[in-house]
Amino acid sequence: MIRTNKRYPEPGKFTSREFERRVARACTLMTRDALDAILVTSETNVE
């Protein structure tokens, strides 16, 4: 028997609204990661 997670339905079984929400969240996370990378690489080396 395959267990399913009620919060996250099986791939291909979510609505278009859920898909749009996931895409928006992924874009937000990628933007945060990109900003974090910029902040880390732009810090000056203090010795």
N, C-alpha and C. Protein backbone atom coordinates (compact mmCIF):
# COMPACT_ATOMS: atom_id res chain seq x y z
N MET A 1 0.84 -1.19 0.00
CA MET A 1 0.00 0.00 0.00
C MET A 1 0.87 1.25 0.00
N ILE A 2 0.58 2.16 -0.88
CA ILE A 2 1.35 3.40 -0.98
C ILE A 2 0.71 4.44 -0.07
N ARG A 3 1.53 5.03 0.78
CA ARG A 3 1.03 6.08 1.67
C ARG A 3 1.09 7.41 0.93
N THR A 4 0.07 8.20 1.10
CA THR A 4 0.07 9.52 0.47
C THR A 4 0.07 10.58 1.55
N ASN A 5 0.70 11.68 1.24
CA ASN A 5 0.75 12.81 2.15
C ASN A 5 -0.41 13.73 1.81
N LYS A 6 -1.29 13.97 2.76
CA LYS A 6 -2.47 14.78 2.49
C LYS A 6 -2.11 16.23 2.17
N ARG A 7 -1.02 16.71 2.77
CA ARG A 7 -0.63 18.10 2.52
C ARG A 7 -0.08 18.29 1.11
N TYR A 8 0.69 17.30 0.65
CA TYR A 8 1.29 17.39 -0.67
C TYR A 8 0.76 16.23 -1.52
N PRO A 9 -0.21 16.50 -2.38
CA PRO A 9 -0.76 15.43 -3.21
C PRO A 9 0.28 14.87 -4.17
N GLU A 10 -0.03 13.73 -4.72
CA GLU A 10 0.89 13.10 -5.67
C GLU A 10 1.13 14.02 -6.86
N PRO A 11 2.31 13.94 -7.47
CA PRO A 11 2.60 14.78 -8.64
C PRO A 11 1.53 14.59 -9.72
N GLY A 12 1.13 15.68 -10.32
CA GLY A 12 0.13 15.62 -11.37
C GLY A 12 -1.30 15.67 -10.87
N LYS A 13 -1.47 15.69 -9.56
CA LYS A 13 -2.83 15.69 -9.02
C LYS A 13 -3.16 16.98 -8.27
N PHE A 14 -2.41 18.03 -8.51
CA PHE A 14 -2.75 19.29 -7.86
C PHE A 14 -3.38 20.24 -8.87
N THR A 15 -4.09 21.23 -8.36
CA THR A 15 -4.84 22.15 -9.21
C THR A 15 -3.92 23.20 -9.82
N SER A 16 -4.44 23.94 -10.78
CA SER A 16 -3.64 25.00 -11.39
C SER A 16 -3.32 26.08 -10.37
N ARG A 17 -4.22 26.32 -9.44
CA ARG A 17 -3.96 27.32 -8.38
C ARG A 17 -2.78 26.87 -7.51
N GLU A 18 -2.75 25.58 -7.19
CA GLU A 18 -1.64 25.03 -6.40
C GLU A 18 -0.34 25.14 -7.19
N PHE A 19 -0.40 24.86 -8.49
CA PHE A 19 0.79 24.97 -9.33
C PHE A 19 1.31 26.39 -9.34
N GLU A 20 0.42 27.37 -9.50
CA GLU A 20 0.83 28.78 -9.50
C GLU A 20 1.45 29.16 -8.16
N ARG A 21 0.89 28.65 -7.06
CA ARG A 21 1.43 28.94 -5.73
C ARG A 21 2.84 28.36 -5.59
N ARG A 22 3.02 27.14 -6.09
CA ARG A 22 4.34 26.51 -6.01
C ARG A 22 5.37 27.27 -6.84
N VAL A 23 4.97 27.70 -8.04
CA VAL A 23 5.89 28.45 -8.90
C VAL A 23 6.27 29.77 -8.24
N ALA A 24 5.29 30.48 -7.67
CA ALA A 24 5.57 31.75 -7.00
C ALA A 24 6.52 31.54 -5.82
N ARG A 25 6.30 30.48 -5.05
CA ARG A 25 7.16 30.20 -3.90
C ARG A 25 8.58 29.86 -4.37
N ALA A 26 8.69 29.09 -5.43
CA ALA A 26 10.01 28.74 -5.96
C ALA A 26 10.76 29.98 -6.43
N CYS A 27 10.06 30.89 -7.09
CA CYS A 27 10.68 32.14 -7.54
C CYS A 27 11.15 32.97 -6.36
N THR A 28 10.34 33.02 -5.30
CA THR A 28 10.72 33.77 -4.10
C THR A 28 11.96 33.16 -3.47
N LEU A 29 11.99 31.84 -3.36
CA LEU A 29 13.14 31.18 -2.75
C LEU A 29 14.40 31.38 -3.59
N MET A 30 14.28 31.30 -4.92
CA MET A 30 15.44 31.51 -5.77
C MET A 30 15.95 32.94 -5.64
N THR A 31 15.04 33.88 -5.53
CA THR A 31 15.45 35.27 -5.37
C THR A 31 16.19 35.46 -4.06
N ARG A 32 15.68 34.86 -2.98
CA ARG A 32 16.35 34.96 -1.69
C ARG A 32 17.75 34.36 -1.75
N ASP A 33 17.87 33.18 -2.38
CA ASP A 33 19.17 32.54 -2.50
C ASP A 33 20.13 33.40 -3.31
N ALA A 34 19.64 33.99 -4.38
CA ALA A 34 20.48 34.85 -5.21
C ALA A 34 20.93 36.07 -4.42
N LEU A 35 20.02 36.66 -3.66
CA LEU A 35 20.39 37.82 -2.84
C LEU A 35 21.40 37.43 -1.77
N ASP A 36 21.21 36.28 -1.14
CA ASP A 36 22.16 35.82 -0.14
C ASP A 36 23.54 35.62 -0.77
N ALA A 37 23.58 35.06 -1.96
CA ALA A 37 24.86 34.84 -2.64
C ALA A 37 25.53 36.17 -2.95
N ILE A 38 24.74 37.15 -3.37
CA ILE A 38 25.31 38.47 -3.67
C ILE A 38 25.87 39.10 -2.40
N LEU A 39 25.13 39.00 -1.31
CA LEU A 39 25.59 39.59 -0.05
C LEU A 39 26.86 38.91 0.44
N VAL A 40 26.92 37.60 0.32
CA VAL A 40 28.11 36.87 0.79
C VAL A 40 29.32 37.21 -0.07
N THR A 41 29.16 37.25 -1.39
CA THR A 41 30.31 37.48 -2.26
C THR A 41 30.72 38.94 -2.32
N SER A 42 29.85 39.85 -1.89
CA SER A 42 30.20 41.27 -1.97
C SER A 42 30.79 41.81 -0.67
N GLU A 43 30.85 40.96 0.37
CA GLU A 43 31.44 41.42 1.62
C GLU A 43 32.95 41.59 1.44
N THR A 44 33.47 42.63 2.05
CA THR A 44 34.91 42.84 1.96
C THR A 44 35.61 41.97 2.99
N ASN A 45 36.80 41.55 2.66
CA ASN A 45 37.58 40.73 3.60
C ASN A 45 38.23 41.63 4.63
N VAL A 46 37.88 41.42 5.87
CA VAL A 46 38.46 42.20 6.95
C VAL A 46 39.40 41.30 7.73
N GLU A 47 40.65 41.72 7.82
CA GLU A 47 41.63 40.90 8.55
C GLU A 47 42.08 41.60 9.79
